[in-house]
Amino acid sequence: MVSYEELDKQYYEHIIRNLKNRGVELKDIAEIVMFLEKDYVKGLDEEISIHAINKVLHKREAQNAIMTGIELDILAEKHLLSAPMQRIMETDESTYGIDENMAITLASLYGSVSVTNYGYVDKLKHGILGKLNDKSTGKINVFLDDLVGAIAAGACGWLAHNEHEVQELLNQEK
């Protein structure tokens, strides 16, 4: 039987690998976190942002949402979905909404701070989100763009709810 810790490690590594394969680095997500939190966390840098992102990426509910969404994007690119679903994914149908619902669920794991940040960054398509949302690339990122925004938003929520730990991290860097 595989331990919870070992599964967590496997899931985390799988997610990091899939994000990289899809063109997303943790530093890209950190850039979004810093953009969203620059007025709220003085001294926030890439290292602390990645620390917060990793907190999100080690949460099982977040892992499940991320793995599911990326897998659906990959299957759609390989044309392995049934006809109605394949068309929805290829056209990123505006009324589909399941991608946003999954992202909102992920963001809600970290409270209202995360949910509002997700909505804001999803609308702006800041940083890597604009690239992921670019339909001219031929890539299908129906879920990925929303999930990356939700990961960043979750990290913002983690930062907001863990001020003491964040302050300790900031003090260690001095």
N, C-alpha and C. Protein backbone atom coordinates (compact mmCIF):
# COMPACT_ATOMS: atom_id res chain seq x y z
N MET A 1 0.85 -1.19 0.00
CA MET A 1 0.00 0.00 0.00
C MET A 1 0.89 1.25 0.00
N VAL A 2 0.60 2.17 -0.89
CA VAL A 2 1.36 3.40 -1.00
C VAL A 2 0.87 4.39 0.07
N SER A 3 1.80 5.02 0.76
CA SER A 3 1.44 5.97 1.81
C SER A 3 0.87 7.26 1.21
N TYR A 4 0.15 7.99 2.03
CA TYR A 4 -0.41 9.28 1.62
C TYR A 4 0.71 10.21 1.17
N GLU A 5 1.80 10.22 1.92
CA GLU A 5 2.93 11.09 1.59
C GLU A 5 3.53 10.73 0.24
N GLU A 6 3.65 9.43 -0.03
CA GLU A 6 4.22 8.99 -1.32
C GLU A 6 3.28 9.36 -2.47
N LEU A 7 1.98 9.17 -2.26
CA LEU A 7 1.01 9.57 -3.29
C LEU A 7 1.08 11.08 -3.53
N ASP A 8 1.16 11.84 -2.45
CA ASP A 8 1.26 13.30 -2.57
C ASP A 8 2.48 13.67 -3.42
N LYS A 9 3.60 13.04 -3.14
CA LYS A 9 4.83 13.30 -3.90
C LYS A 9 4.65 12.93 -5.37
N GLN A 10 4.07 11.76 -5.63
CA GLN A 10 3.83 11.33 -7.01
C GLN A 10 2.90 12.29 -7.74
N TYR A 11 1.82 12.67 -7.09
CA TYR A 11 0.86 13.59 -7.71
C TYR A 11 1.51 14.94 -7.99
N TYR A 12 2.25 15.44 -7.01
CA TYR A 12 2.93 16.73 -7.17
C TYR A 12 3.90 16.67 -8.36
N GLU A 13 4.72 15.65 -8.41
CA GLU A 13 5.69 15.52 -9.51
C GLU A 13 4.99 15.39 -10.86
N HIS A 14 3.88 14.65 -10.88
CA HIS A 14 3.10 14.49 -12.11
C HIS A 14 2.56 15.85 -12.57
N ILE A 15 2.05 16.63 -11.64
CA ILE A 15 1.52 17.96 -11.96
C ILE A 15 2.62 18.87 -12.48
N ILE A 16 3.75 18.91 -11.79
CA ILE A 16 4.87 19.76 -12.22
C ILE A 16 5.31 19.37 -13.62
N ARG A 17 5.44 18.09 -13.87
CA ARG A 17 5.84 17.59 -15.20
C ARG A 17 4.81 18.00 -16.26
N ASN A 18 3.53 17.82 -15.96
CA ASN A 18 2.49 18.18 -16.93
C ASN A 18 2.43 19.69 -17.16
N LEU A 19 2.59 20.47 -16.11
CA LEU A 19 2.63 21.93 -16.29
C LEU A 19 3.78 22.32 -17.22
N LYS A 20 4.97 21.76 -16.97
CA LYS A 20 6.13 22.07 -17.81
C LYS A 20 5.88 21.63 -19.25
N ASN A 21 5.33 20.44 -19.41
CA ASN A 21 5.04 19.94 -20.77
C ASN A 21 4.04 20.83 -21.50
N ARG A 22 3.21 21.54 -20.74
CA ARG A 22 2.20 22.42 -21.32
C ARG A 22 2.70 23.87 -21.39
N GLY A 23 3.97 24.08 -21.04
CA GLY A 23 4.56 25.41 -21.16
C GLY A 23 4.43 26.31 -19.95
N VAL A 24 4.13 25.73 -18.79
CA VAL A 24 3.95 26.53 -17.58
C VAL A 24 5.01 26.15 -16.55
N GLU A 25 5.75 27.15 -16.11
CA GLU A 25 6.74 26.98 -15.05
C GLU A 25 6.19 27.61 -13.77
N LEU A 26 6.69 27.15 -12.63
CA LEU A 26 6.24 27.75 -11.37
C LEU A 26 6.52 29.25 -11.33
N LYS A 27 7.60 29.68 -11.95
CA LYS A 27 7.92 31.12 -11.96
C LYS A 27 6.85 31.92 -12.72
N ASP A 28 6.20 31.29 -13.71
CA ASP A 28 5.11 31.96 -14.43
C ASP A 28 3.92 32.19 -13.51
N ILE A 29 3.63 31.19 -12.69
CA ILE A 29 2.52 31.32 -11.74
C ILE A 29 2.90 32.31 -10.65
N ALA A 30 4.17 32.27 -10.23
CA ALA A 30 4.66 33.20 -9.21
C ALA A 30 4.52 34.64 -9.68
N GLU A 31 4.74 34.88 -10.95
CA GLU A 31 4.61 36.23 -11.49
C GLU A 31 3.18 36.73 -11.33
N ILE A 32 2.21 35.85 -11.51
CA ILE A 32 0.80 36.23 -11.32
C ILE A 32 0.54 36.53 -9.84
N VAL A 33 1.06 35.67 -8.96
CA VAL A 33 0.89 35.89 -7.52
C VAL A 33 1.46 37.24 -7.12
N MET A 34 2.66 37.55 -7.58
CA MET A 34 3.29 38.83 -7.23
C MET A 34 2.48 40.01 -7.79
N PHE A 35 1.95 39.86 -8.99
CA PHE A 35 1.11 40.89 -9.59
C PHE A 35 -0.13 41.14 -8.72
N LEU A 36 -0.76 40.06 -8.27
CA LEU A 36 -1.99 40.19 -7.49
C LEU A 36 -1.74 40.69 -6.07
N GLU A 37 -0.60 40.34 -5.50
CA GLU A 37 -0.36 40.61 -4.08
C GLU A 37 0.61 41.76 -3.80
N LYS A 38 1.12 42.41 -4.84
CA LYS A 38 2.17 43.43 -4.66
C LYS A 38 1.77 44.54 -3.68
N ASP A 39 0.50 44.86 -3.62
CA ASP A 39 0.04 45.93 -2.71
C ASP A 39 -0.31 45.43 -1.32
N TYR A 40 -0.27 44.11 -1.11
CA TYR A 40 -0.72 43.54 0.15
C TYR A 40 0.39 42.86 0.95
N VAL A 41 1.40 42.33 0.26
CA VAL A 41 2.50 41.64 0.94
C VAL A 41 3.79 42.35 0.55
N LYS A 42 4.23 43.25 1.41
CA LYS A 42 5.46 44.02 1.14
C LYS A 42 6.66 43.08 1.15
N GLY A 43 7.48 43.18 0.11
CA GLY A 43 8.67 42.34 0.02
C GLY A 43 8.44 41.00 -0.63
N LEU A 44 7.21 40.75 -1.07
CA LEU A 44 6.92 39.47 -1.71
C LEU A 44 7.80 39.29 -2.94
N ASP A 45 8.40 38.12 -3.03
CA ASP A 45 9.27 37.83 -4.17
C ASP A 45 8.90 36.48 -4.77
N GLU A 46 9.64 36.09 -5.79
CA GLU A 46 9.36 34.84 -6.49
C GLU A 46 9.48 33.64 -5.56
N GLU A 47 10.49 33.63 -4.70
CA GLU A 47 10.72 32.48 -3.82
C GLU A 47 9.55 32.25 -2.87
N ILE A 48 9.07 33.30 -2.25
CA ILE A 48 7.94 33.16 -1.32
C ILE A 48 6.66 32.85 -2.09
N SER A 49 6.52 33.42 -3.27
CA SER A 49 5.35 33.11 -4.11
C SER A 49 5.34 31.63 -4.47
N ILE A 50 6.49 31.09 -4.85
CA ILE A 50 6.58 29.66 -5.19
C ILE A 50 6.31 28.80 -3.95
N HIS A 51 6.76 29.25 -2.79
CA HIS A 51 6.45 28.54 -1.54
C HIS A 51 4.93 28.41 -1.37
N ALA A 52 4.22 29.52 -1.57
CA ALA A 52 2.76 29.51 -1.45
C ALA A 52 2.12 28.64 -2.53
N ILE A 53 2.64 28.71 -3.74
CA ILE A 53 2.13 27.87 -4.84
C ILE A 53 2.29 26.40 -4.49
N ASN A 54 3.44 26.05 -3.93
CA ASN A 54 3.68 24.66 -3.56
C ASN A 54 2.73 24.19 -2.46
N LYS A 55 2.33 25.09 -1.58
CA LYS A 55 1.31 24.73 -0.58
C LYS A 55 0.01 24.31 -1.28
N VAL A 56 -0.36 25.07 -2.31
CA VAL A 56 -1.57 24.74 -3.08
C VAL A 56 -1.39 23.41 -3.81
N LEU A 57 -0.23 23.23 -4.43
CA LEU A 57 0.01 22.03 -5.24
C LEU A 57 0.15 20.76 -4.42
N HIS A 58 0.28 20.89 -3.11
CA HIS A 58 0.34 19.71 -2.24
C HIS A 58 -1.00 19.42 -1.57
N LYS A 59 -2.00 20.21 -1.84
CA LYS A 59 -3.34 19.96 -1.28
C LYS A 59 -4.07 18.98 -2.19
N ARG A 60 -4.55 17.89 -1.62
CA ARG A 60 -5.11 16.80 -2.42
C ARG A 60 -6.27 17.23 -3.31
N GLU A 61 -7.19 18.04 -2.79
CA GLU A 61 -8.32 18.48 -3.63
C GLU A 61 -7.83 19.29 -4.82
N ALA A 62 -6.82 20.11 -4.60
CA ALA A 62 -6.24 20.89 -5.69
C ALA A 62 -5.55 19.96 -6.69
N GLN A 63 -4.81 19.00 -6.19
CA GLN A 63 -4.13 18.05 -7.06
C GLN A 63 -5.12 17.33 -7.96
N ASN A 64 -6.22 16.88 -7.38
CA ASN A 64 -7.22 16.15 -8.17
C ASN A 64 -7.81 17.02 -9.27
N ALA A 65 -8.14 18.25 -8.95
CA ALA A 65 -8.70 19.16 -9.96
C ALA A 65 -7.69 19.42 -11.07
N ILE A 66 -6.45 19.69 -10.70
CA ILE A 66 -5.41 20.01 -11.69
C ILE A 66 -5.15 18.81 -12.59
N MET A 67 -4.99 17.63 -12.00
CA MET A 67 -4.72 16.44 -12.82
C MET A 67 -5.88 16.15 -13.76
N THR A 68 -7.10 16.28 -13.28
CA THR A 68 -8.28 16.02 -14.11
C THR A 68 -8.36 16.99 -15.28
N GLY A 69 -8.21 18.27 -14.99
CA GLY A 69 -8.31 19.29 -16.04
C GLY A 69 -7.24 19.15 -17.11
N ILE A 70 -5.99 18.98 -16.68
CA ILE A 70 -4.90 18.84 -17.66
C ILE A 70 -5.11 17.58 -18.50
N GLU A 71 -5.55 16.51 -17.87
CA GLU A 71 -5.78 15.26 -18.60
C GLU A 71 -6.86 15.44 -19.67
N LEU A 72 -7.92 16.16 -19.36
CA LEU A 72 -8.96 16.42 -20.35
C LEU A 72 -8.44 17.25 -21.51
N ASP A 73 -7.61 18.26 -21.23
CA ASP A 73 -6.99 19.05 -22.30
C ASP A 73 -6.13 18.17 -23.20
N ILE A 74 -5.33 17.30 -22.60
CA ILE A 74 -4.45 16.40 -23.36
C ILE A 74 -5.27 15.44 -24.21
N LEU A 75 -6.29 14.84 -23.62
CA LEU A 75 -7.14 13.91 -24.38
C LEU A 75 -7.81 14.62 -25.56
N ALA A 76 -8.24 15.84 -25.36
CA ALA A 76 -8.87 16.60 -26.45
C ALA A 76 -7.87 16.89 -27.56
N GLU A 77 -6.64 17.22 -27.21
CA GLU A 77 -5.61 17.46 -28.24
C GLU A 77 -5.34 16.21 -29.06
N LYS A 78 -5.48 15.05 -28.43
CA LYS A 78 -5.25 13.77 -29.11
C LYS A 78 -6.51 13.26 -29.80
N HIS A 79 -7.58 14.05 -29.75
CA HIS A 79 -8.88 13.68 -30.35
C HIS A 79 -9.41 12.37 -29.78
N LEU A 80 -9.32 12.22 -28.48
CA LEU A 80 -9.75 10.99 -27.82
C LEU A 80 -11.07 11.13 -27.06
N LEU A 81 -11.75 12.24 -27.24
CA LEU A 81 -13.04 12.44 -26.58
C LEU A 81 -14.17 12.16 -27.57
N SER A 82 -15.33 11.85 -27.05
CA SER A 82 -16.48 11.61 -27.93
C SER A 82 -16.88 12.92 -28.61
N ALA A 83 -17.62 12.78 -29.70
CA ALA A 83 -17.93 13.91 -30.60
C ALA A 83 -18.43 15.17 -29.89
N PRO A 84 -19.46 15.11 -29.08
CA PRO A 84 -19.91 16.38 -28.50
C PRO A 84 -18.84 17.02 -27.62
N MET A 85 -18.20 16.22 -26.81
CA MET A 85 -17.19 16.74 -25.89
C MET A 85 -15.96 17.23 -26.65
N GLN A 86 -15.58 16.53 -27.69
CA GLN A 86 -14.42 16.93 -28.49
C GLN A 86 -14.65 18.31 -29.11
N ARG A 87 -15.85 18.54 -29.63
CA ARG A 87 -16.17 19.83 -30.24
C ARG A 87 -16.14 20.94 -29.19
N ILE A 88 -16.71 20.68 -28.03
CA ILE A 88 -16.72 21.67 -26.95
C ILE A 88 -15.30 22.07 -26.59
N MET A 89 -14.43 21.08 -26.48
CA MET A 89 -13.04 21.35 -26.09
C MET A 89 -12.28 22.07 -27.20
N GLU A 90 -12.49 21.66 -28.43
CA GLU A 90 -11.77 22.29 -29.55
C GLU A 90 -12.17 23.74 -29.75
N THR A 91 -13.42 24.06 -29.47
CA THR A 91 -13.90 25.43 -29.67
C THR A 91 -13.87 26.26 -28.38
N ASP A 92 -13.55 25.60 -27.27
CA ASP A 92 -13.58 26.26 -25.95
C ASP A 92 -14.90 27.01 -25.80
N GLU A 93 -15.97 26.25 -25.98
CA GLU A 93 -17.33 26.80 -25.98
C GLU A 93 -17.57 27.69 -24.76
N SER A 94 -18.04 28.89 -25.02
CA SER A 94 -18.16 29.90 -23.96
C SER A 94 -19.17 29.53 -22.87
N THR A 95 -20.16 28.73 -23.18
CA THR A 95 -21.16 28.37 -22.17
C THR A 95 -20.85 27.05 -21.47
N TYR A 96 -19.72 26.45 -21.77
CA TYR A 96 -19.35 25.17 -21.14
C TYR A 96 -19.22 25.35 -19.63
N GLY A 97 -18.37 26.22 -19.17
CA GLY A 97 -18.30 26.62 -17.77
C GLY A 97 -17.74 25.63 -16.77
N ILE A 98 -17.59 24.37 -17.15
CA ILE A 98 -17.08 23.39 -16.20
C ILE A 98 -15.64 23.72 -15.82
N ASP A 99 -14.88 24.25 -16.78
CA ASP A 99 -13.49 24.63 -16.50
C ASP A 99 -13.44 25.72 -15.43
N GLU A 100 -14.27 26.73 -15.56
CA GLU A 100 -14.32 27.79 -14.54
C GLU A 100 -14.83 27.25 -13.21
N ASN A 101 -15.84 26.37 -13.25
CA ASN A 101 -16.35 25.80 -12.01
C ASN A 101 -15.27 25.01 -11.27
N MET A 102 -14.48 24.25 -12.01
CA MET A 102 -13.40 23.49 -11.39
C MET A 102 -12.37 24.45 -10.77
N ALA A 103 -12.06 25.52 -11.50
CA ALA A 103 -11.09 26.49 -11.00
C ALA A 103 -11.63 27.24 -9.78
N ILE A 104 -12.89 27.60 -9.80
CA ILE A 104 -13.50 28.28 -8.65
C ILE A 104 -13.50 27.36 -7.43
N THR A 105 -13.77 26.08 -7.65
CA THR A 105 -13.73 25.11 -6.56
C THR A 105 -12.33 25.03 -5.97
N LEU A 106 -11.32 24.98 -6.84
CA LEU A 106 -9.93 24.96 -6.37
C LEU A 106 -9.64 26.24 -5.58
N ALA A 107 -9.98 27.38 -6.14
CA ALA A 107 -9.71 28.66 -5.46
C ALA A 107 -10.44 28.73 -4.12
N SER A 108 -11.65 28.20 -4.06
CA SER A 108 -12.44 28.31 -2.83
C SER A 108 -11.83 27.53 -1.67
N LEU A 109 -10.89 26.65 -1.95
CA LEU A 109 -10.19 25.94 -0.87
C LEU A 109 -9.42 26.92 0.01
N TYR A 110 -9.15 28.11 -0.50
CA TYR A 110 -8.38 29.13 0.22
C TYR A 110 -9.19 30.38 0.51
N GLY A 111 -10.51 30.27 0.50
CA GLY A 111 -11.37 31.35 0.95
C GLY A 111 -11.72 32.39 -0.10
N SER A 112 -12.44 33.40 0.36
CA SER A 112 -12.96 34.42 -0.55
C SER A 112 -11.86 35.25 -1.19
N VAL A 113 -10.73 35.42 -0.51
CA VAL A 113 -9.59 36.13 -1.10
C VAL A 113 -9.20 35.45 -2.41
N SER A 114 -9.14 34.14 -2.38
CA SER A 114 -8.75 33.38 -3.57
C SER A 114 -9.80 33.46 -4.67
N VAL A 115 -11.05 33.33 -4.28
CA VAL A 115 -12.12 33.34 -5.28
C VAL A 115 -12.17 34.68 -6.01
N THR A 116 -12.06 35.78 -5.26
CA THR A 116 -12.10 37.09 -5.92
C THR A 116 -10.85 37.31 -6.77
N ASN A 117 -9.70 36.85 -6.29
CA ASN A 117 -8.48 36.96 -7.09
C ASN A 117 -8.58 36.12 -8.36
N TYR A 118 -9.18 34.94 -8.26
CA TYR A 118 -9.35 34.11 -9.45
C TYR A 118 -10.20 34.84 -10.49
N GLY A 119 -11.34 35.36 -10.08
CA GLY A 119 -12.21 36.06 -11.02
C GLY A 119 -11.51 37.23 -11.69
N TYR A 120 -10.74 37.96 -10.91
CA TYR A 120 -10.01 39.12 -11.43
C TYR A 120 -8.96 38.70 -12.46
N VAL A 121 -8.14 37.73 -12.09
CA VAL A 121 -7.04 37.34 -12.99
C VAL A 121 -7.57 36.58 -14.21
N ASP A 122 -8.69 35.88 -14.05
CA ASP A 122 -9.30 35.19 -15.20
C ASP A 122 -9.79 36.20 -16.22
N LYS A 123 -10.33 37.29 -15.75
CA LYS A 123 -10.81 38.34 -16.65
C LYS A 123 -9.65 39.06 -17.33
N LEU A 124 -8.58 39.34 -16.58
CA LEU A 124 -7.43 40.05 -17.14
C LEU A 124 -6.59 39.21 -18.09
N LYS A 125 -6.51 37.90 -17.82
CA LYS A 125 -5.62 36.99 -18.56
C LYS A 125 -4.18 37.47 -18.45
N HIS A 126 -3.77 37.79 -17.24
CA HIS A 126 -2.44 38.34 -16.98
C HIS A 126 -1.34 37.28 -17.19
N GLY A 127 -0.22 37.73 -17.72
CA GLY A 127 0.98 36.89 -17.83
C GLY A 127 0.75 35.64 -18.67
N ILE A 128 1.15 34.52 -18.12
CA ILE A 128 1.06 33.23 -18.83
C ILE A 128 -0.38 32.90 -19.21
N LEU A 129 -1.35 33.44 -18.49
CA LEU A 129 -2.76 33.14 -18.78
C LEU A 129 -3.14 33.61 -20.17
N GLY A 130 -2.61 34.74 -20.60
CA GLY A 130 -2.87 35.24 -21.96
C GLY A 130 -2.33 34.29 -23.01
N LYS A 131 -1.14 33.75 -22.75
CA LYS A 131 -0.53 32.79 -23.69
C LYS A 131 -1.32 31.49 -23.73
N LEU A 132 -1.74 31.02 -22.57
CA LEU A 132 -2.51 29.77 -22.52
C LEU A 132 -3.87 29.92 -23.19
N ASN A 133 -4.41 31.11 -23.17
CA ASN A 133 -5.72 31.37 -23.75
C ASN A 133 -5.66 31.68 -25.24
N ASP A 134 -4.47 31.75 -25.81
CA ASP A 134 -4.28 32.07 -27.23
C ASP A 134 -4.66 30.85 -28.08
N LYS A 135 -5.76 30.96 -28.79
CA LYS A 135 -6.28 29.84 -29.59
C LYS A 135 -5.46 29.57 -30.85
N SER A 136 -4.62 30.53 -31.26
CA SER A 136 -3.85 30.38 -32.51
C SER A 136 -2.70 29.39 -32.38
N THR A 137 -2.40 28.93 -31.16
CA THR A 137 -1.27 28.02 -30.96
C THR A 137 -1.59 26.58 -31.34
N GLY A 138 -2.88 26.26 -31.46
CA GLY A 138 -3.28 24.88 -31.74
C GLY A 138 -3.37 24.02 -30.49
N LYS A 139 -2.95 24.56 -29.36
CA LYS A 139 -3.04 23.83 -28.09
C LYS A 139 -4.44 23.97 -27.52
N ILE A 140 -4.88 22.94 -26.85
CA ILE A 140 -6.16 23.01 -26.15
C ILE A 140 -5.85 23.17 -24.67
N ASN A 141 -6.17 24.33 -24.14
CA ASN A 141 -5.94 24.66 -22.74
C ASN A 141 -7.23 25.12 -22.07
N VAL A 142 -8.32 24.44 -22.39
CA VAL A 142 -9.63 24.81 -21.85
C VAL A 142 -9.57 24.86 -20.32
N PHE A 143 -9.01 23.82 -19.73
CA PHE A 143 -8.93 23.75 -18.27
C PHE A 143 -7.66 24.42 -17.74
N LEU A 144 -6.55 24.27 -18.46
CA LEU A 144 -5.27 24.71 -17.92
C LEU A 144 -5.23 26.20 -17.61
N ASP A 145 -5.74 27.04 -18.49
CA ASP A 145 -5.67 28.48 -18.21
C ASP A 145 -6.42 28.83 -16.93
N ASP A 146 -7.58 28.23 -16.74
CA ASP A 146 -8.36 28.50 -15.54
C ASP A 146 -7.69 27.91 -14.30
N LEU A 147 -7.14 26.72 -14.43
CA LEU A 147 -6.49 26.09 -13.28
C LEU A 147 -5.23 26.83 -12.86
N VAL A 148 -4.46 27.31 -13.82
CA VAL A 148 -3.26 28.09 -13.48
C VAL A 148 -3.67 29.37 -12.74
N GLY A 149 -4.72 30.02 -13.22
CA GLY A 149 -5.23 31.19 -12.51
C GLY A 149 -5.69 30.85 -11.11
N ALA A 150 -6.33 29.70 -10.96
CA ALA A 150 -6.81 29.27 -9.65
C ALA A 150 -5.66 28.89 -8.72
N ILE A 151 -4.60 28.31 -9.27
CA ILE A 151 -3.41 28.00 -8.45
C ILE A 151 -2.82 29.30 -7.91
N ALA A 152 -2.67 30.28 -8.78
CA ALA A 152 -2.15 31.59 -8.36
C ALA A 152 -3.07 32.21 -7.31
N ALA A 153 -4.36 32.17 -7.56
CA ALA A 153 -5.33 32.74 -6.62
C ALA A 153 -5.29 31.99 -5.28
N GLY A 154 -5.16 30.67 -5.34
CA GLY A 154 -5.04 29.88 -4.12
C GLY A 154 -3.80 30.28 -3.33
N ALA A 155 -2.70 30.51 -4.04
CA ALA A 155 -1.47 30.95 -3.37
C ALA A 155 -1.68 32.31 -2.71
N CYS A 156 -2.43 33.19 -3.35
CA CYS A 156 -2.76 34.49 -2.75
C CYS A 156 -3.55 34.29 -1.47
N GLY A 157 -4.50 33.39 -1.50
CA GLY A 157 -5.29 33.08 -0.31
C GLY A 157 -4.43 32.50 0.79
N TRP A 158 -3.51 31.60 0.41
CA TRP A 158 -2.60 31.02 1.40
C TRP A 158 -1.78 32.13 2.05
N LEU A 159 -1.25 33.04 1.24
CA LEU A 159 -0.47 34.16 1.78
C LEU A 159 -1.30 34.99 2.76
N ALA A 160 -2.54 35.26 2.40
CA ALA A 160 -3.42 36.08 3.25
C ALA A 160 -3.74 35.40 4.57
N HIS A 161 -3.89 34.09 4.55
CA HIS A 161 -4.29 33.35 5.75
C HIS A 161 -3.11 32.87 6.58
N ASN A 162 -1.90 33.12 6.13
CA ASN A 162 -0.70 32.66 6.83
C ASN A 162 0.31 33.79 6.99
N GLU A 163 -0.19 34.94 7.41
CA GLU A 163 0.66 36.14 7.52
C GLU A 163 1.89 35.91 8.40
N HIS A 164 1.72 35.19 9.51
CA HIS A 164 2.84 34.96 10.42
C HIS A 164 3.95 34.16 9.73
N GLU A 165 3.58 33.08 9.06
CA GLU A 165 4.58 32.28 8.34
C GLU A 165 5.22 33.08 7.21
N VAL A 166 4.44 33.88 6.52
CA VAL A 166 4.97 34.71 5.44
C VAL A 166 5.98 35.70 6.01
N GLN A 167 5.65 36.31 7.15
CA GLN A 167 6.58 37.26 7.77
C GLN A 167 7.88 36.57 8.17
N GLU A 168 7.78 35.34 8.68
CA GLU A 168 8.99 34.58 9.02
C GLU A 168 9.84 34.32 7.78
N LEU A 169 9.19 33.96 6.69
CA LEU A 169 9.92 33.72 5.43
C LEU A 169 10.60 35.00 4.95
N LEU A 170 9.89 36.11 5.03
CA LEU A 170 10.47 37.40 4.63
C LEU A 170 11.67 37.77 5.50
N ASN A 171 11.57 37.51 6.79
CA ASN A 171 12.66 37.82 7.71
C ASN A 171 13.88 36.93 7.45
N GLN A 172 13.66 35.68 7.06
CA GLN A 172 14.76 34.76 6.75
C GLN A 172 15.55 35.24 5.54
N GLU A 173 14.88 35.90 4.61
CA GLU A 173 15.53 36.34 3.38
C GLU A 173 16.39 37.58 3.59
N LYS A 174 16.20 38.27 4.71
CA LYS A 174 16.96 39.52 4.94
C LYS A 174 18.39 39.24 5.33
